[in-house]
Amino acid sequence: MMSEDLERCVTFLFRRKGRDALSEKEFVFSASMDMHWFPPHDAQRLLDVCREKGLLRLESGYLRPGFDMSSVDVPVAFKPGKELLRRPRPKDDDGLFPRLMDMAVETGMERRDFIAECNRLQDRLDVEIEVAGLLVLRDKGVDVLSLAEEACRLAAAR
């Protein structure tokens, strides 16, 4: 249900603008100021949660939906609840990327910037998000060798 409401949010905002690509600022502004769904900080969290779940991806500096919006039905009076902004605890089998995010934050990176870099690299190299995360951290000087095997195992399982 939560994922469906996130898809509805993304679909609604893109349909409202009549475009298939939005800047991060346009997305946040629309969810906050235009629709009055959330204050700006929470609208940014909405964007972050949607990106973490793969519902939004960054291409050439613009956000694009990571799913087929044509199959999403958005009720006329749709308004998302704040529960969408909660990040679920990761499952044990897909917990590598959240750990990589934590490592990035420990090195001084903003979580949002880390995710954006990972998404860009993932799109450019056509690799799994965990592999992109490892490369981003490696480029920041973090020793990620011990996690590389786990990333390979996850990628092979997909």
Protein backbone atom coordinates (compact mmCIF):
# COMPACT_ATOMS: atom_id res chain seq x y z
CA MET A 1 0.00 0.00 0.00
CA MET A 2 2.78 2.43 0.90
CA SER A 3 4.59 1.70 -2.36
CA GLU A 4 1.34 2.23 -4.30
CA ASP A 5 0.88 5.64 -2.65
CA LEU A 6 4.46 6.56 -3.49
CA GLU A 7 3.78 5.63 -7.13
CA ARG A 8 0.64 7.77 -7.00
CA CYS A 9 2.65 10.73 -5.68
CA VAL A 10 5.22 10.47 -8.45
CA THR A 11 2.57 9.92 -11.13
CA PHE A 12 0.43 12.81 -9.90
CA LEU A 13 3.33 15.27 -9.84
CA PHE A 14 4.61 14.32 -13.29
CA ARG A 15 1.13 14.33 -14.84
CA ARG A 16 0.39 17.68 -13.24
CA LYS A 17 3.47 19.18 -14.89
CA GLY A 18 2.73 17.37 -18.15
CA ARG A 19 6.32 16.26 -18.53
CA ASP A 20 8.35 13.06 -18.30
CA ALA A 21 11.31 14.76 -16.57
CA LEU A 22 11.50 17.20 -13.65
CA SER A 23 14.34 18.82 -11.78
CA GLU A 24 14.69 17.94 -8.10
CA LYS A 25 13.64 21.50 -7.23
CA GLU A 26 10.50 21.23 -9.38
CA PHE A 27 9.54 17.95 -7.72
CA VAL A 28 10.05 19.28 -4.18
CA PHE A 29 8.38 22.62 -4.95
CA SER A 30 5.38 20.92 -6.52
CA ALA A 31 4.88 18.48 -3.61
CA SER A 32 5.30 21.27 -1.09
CA MET A 33 4.18 24.63 -2.39
CA ASP A 34 1.87 23.69 -5.26
CA MET A 35 0.07 20.75 -3.68
CA HIS A 36 0.57 21.63 0.01
CA TRP A 37 1.23 17.96 0.74
CA PHE A 38 4.29 18.50 2.93
CA PRO A 39 6.59 21.24 4.19
CA PRO A 40 9.68 21.63 1.96
CA HIS A 41 11.93 19.47 4.17
CA ASP A 42 9.40 16.61 4.12
CA ALA A 43 8.87 17.03 0.36
CA GLN A 44 12.63 16.50 -0.02
CA ARG A 45 12.32 13.35 2.11
CA LEU A 46 9.53 12.18 -0.23
CA LEU A 47 11.93 12.59 -3.15
CA ASP A 48 14.67 10.72 -1.25
CA VAL A 49 12.36 7.83 -0.32
CA CYS A 50 11.10 7.54 -3.91
CA ARG A 51 14.67 7.43 -5.19
CA GLU A 52 15.70 4.84 -2.60
CA LYS A 53 12.82 2.64 -3.73
CA GLY A 54 13.71 3.09 -7.40
CA LEU A 55 10.53 5.01 -8.23
CA LEU A 56 12.60 7.97 -9.39
CA ARG A 57 15.92 7.89 -11.18
CA LEU A 58 18.26 10.69 -12.15
CA GLU A 59 19.19 10.98 -15.83
CA SER A 60 21.13 13.90 -17.26
CA GLY A 61 20.34 15.99 -14.20
CA TYR A 62 16.58 15.36 -14.29
CA LEU A 63 14.30 13.04 -12.36
CA ARG A 64 12.41 10.46 -14.37
CA PRO A 65 9.90 7.87 -13.18
CA GLY A 66 11.41 4.43 -12.62
CA PHE A 67 8.13 2.66 -13.43
CA ASP A 68 5.32 2.75 -15.99
CA MET A 69 3.03 5.59 -14.90
CA SER A 70 0.34 4.71 -17.45
CA SER A 71 -0.92 1.86 -15.27
CA VAL A 72 -1.21 4.00 -12.10
CA ASP A 73 -4.66 5.22 -11.10
CA VAL A 74 -4.59 8.40 -9.02
CA PRO A 75 -7.86 9.38 -7.29
CA VAL A 76 -9.01 12.96 -7.88
CA ALA A 77 -8.75 13.90 -4.20
CA PHE A 78 -5.46 12.07 -3.62
CA LYS A 79 -3.34 13.38 -0.79
CA PRO A 80 -0.47 11.33 0.63
CA GLY A 81 -0.04 10.77 4.34
CA LYS A 82 3.13 11.43 6.34
CA GLU A 83 3.64 7.69 6.83
CA LEU A 84 5.13 7.64 3.34
CA LEU A 85 8.15 9.48 4.64
CA ARG A 86 9.18 6.71 6.99
CA ARG A 87 12.02 4.59 5.75
CA PRO A 88 11.34 0.90 6.36
CA ARG A 89 14.02 -1.17 8.04
CA PRO A 90 15.98 -3.05 5.40
CA LYS A 91 15.59 -6.81 5.11
CA ASP A 92 18.68 -8.85 5.92
CA ASP A 93 19.12 -9.96 2.31
CA ASP A 94 19.12 -6.43 0.87
CA GLY A 95 20.85 -4.59 3.65
CA LEU A 96 24.08 -3.75 1.82
CA PHE A 97 22.97 -0.48 0.25
CA PRO A 98 21.66 0.99 3.52
CA ARG A 99 25.00 0.09 5.11
CA LEU A 100 26.80 1.81 2.24
CA MET A 101 24.64 4.90 2.82
CA ASP A 102 25.60 4.86 6.49
CA MET A 103 29.27 4.60 5.53
CA ALA A 104 28.89 7.56 3.18
CA VAL A 105 27.30 9.65 5.93
CA GLU A 106 30.14 8.68 8.28
CA THR A 107 32.63 10.06 5.74
CA GLY A 108 30.79 13.38 5.64
CA MET A 109 28.62 12.90 2.55
CA GLU A 110 24.98 13.89 2.57
CA ARG A 111 22.72 10.86 2.16
CA ARG A 112 20.93 12.58 -0.72
CA ASP A 113 24.19 13.36 -2.53
CA PHE A 114 25.42 9.79 -2.10
CA ILE A 115 22.19 8.39 -3.56
CA ALA A 116 22.33 10.86 -6.46
CA GLU A 117 25.92 9.87 -7.28
CA CYS A 118 25.02 6.18 -7.07
CA ASN A 119 22.04 6.64 -9.38
CA ARG A 120 24.14 8.53 -11.93
CA LEU A 121 26.85 5.88 -11.87
CA GLN A 122 24.31 3.06 -12.00
CA ASP A 123 22.71 4.56 -15.10
CA ARG A 124 26.04 5.30 -16.77
CA LEU A 125 27.63 1.89 -16.11
CA ASP A 126 24.47 -0.24 -16.06
CA VAL A 127 25.40 -1.90 -12.76
CA GLU A 128 23.46 -2.77 -9.60
CA ILE A 129 22.98 0.03 -7.06
CA GLU A 130 25.26 -1.71 -4.54
CA VAL A 131 28.09 -1.85 -7.05
CA ALA A 132 27.62 1.84 -7.81
CA GLY A 133 27.66 2.57 -4.07
CA LEU A 134 30.91 0.69 -3.64
CA LEU A 135 32.49 2.64 -6.50
CA VAL A 136 31.33 5.99 -5.11
CA LEU A 137 32.73 5.15 -1.67
CA ARG A 138 35.97 3.85 -3.15
CA ASP A 139 36.39 7.10 -5.06
CA LYS A 140 35.95 8.95 -1.75
CA GLY A 141 38.84 6.95 -0.27
CA VAL A 142 36.82 4.41 1.72
CA ASP A 143 38.16 0.85 1.88
CA VAL A 144 35.26 -1.23 0.51
CA LEU A 145 37.13 -4.38 -0.47
CA SER A 146 35.50 -6.42 2.30
CA LEU A 147 32.02 -5.55 0.95
CA ALA A 148 32.76 -6.18 -2.73
CA GLU A 149 32.14 -9.93 -2.47
CA GLU A 150 28.76 -9.35 -0.84
CA ALA A 151 27.80 -6.91 -3.63
CA CYS A 152 28.79 -9.45 -6.27
CA ARG A 153 26.73 -12.13 -4.55
CA LEU A 154 23.67 -9.85 -4.46
CA ALA A 155 24.10 -8.85 -8.10
CA ALA A 156 24.42 -12.48 -9.18
CA ALA A 157 21.26 -13.42 -7.25
CA ARG A 158 19.20 -10.86 -9.17
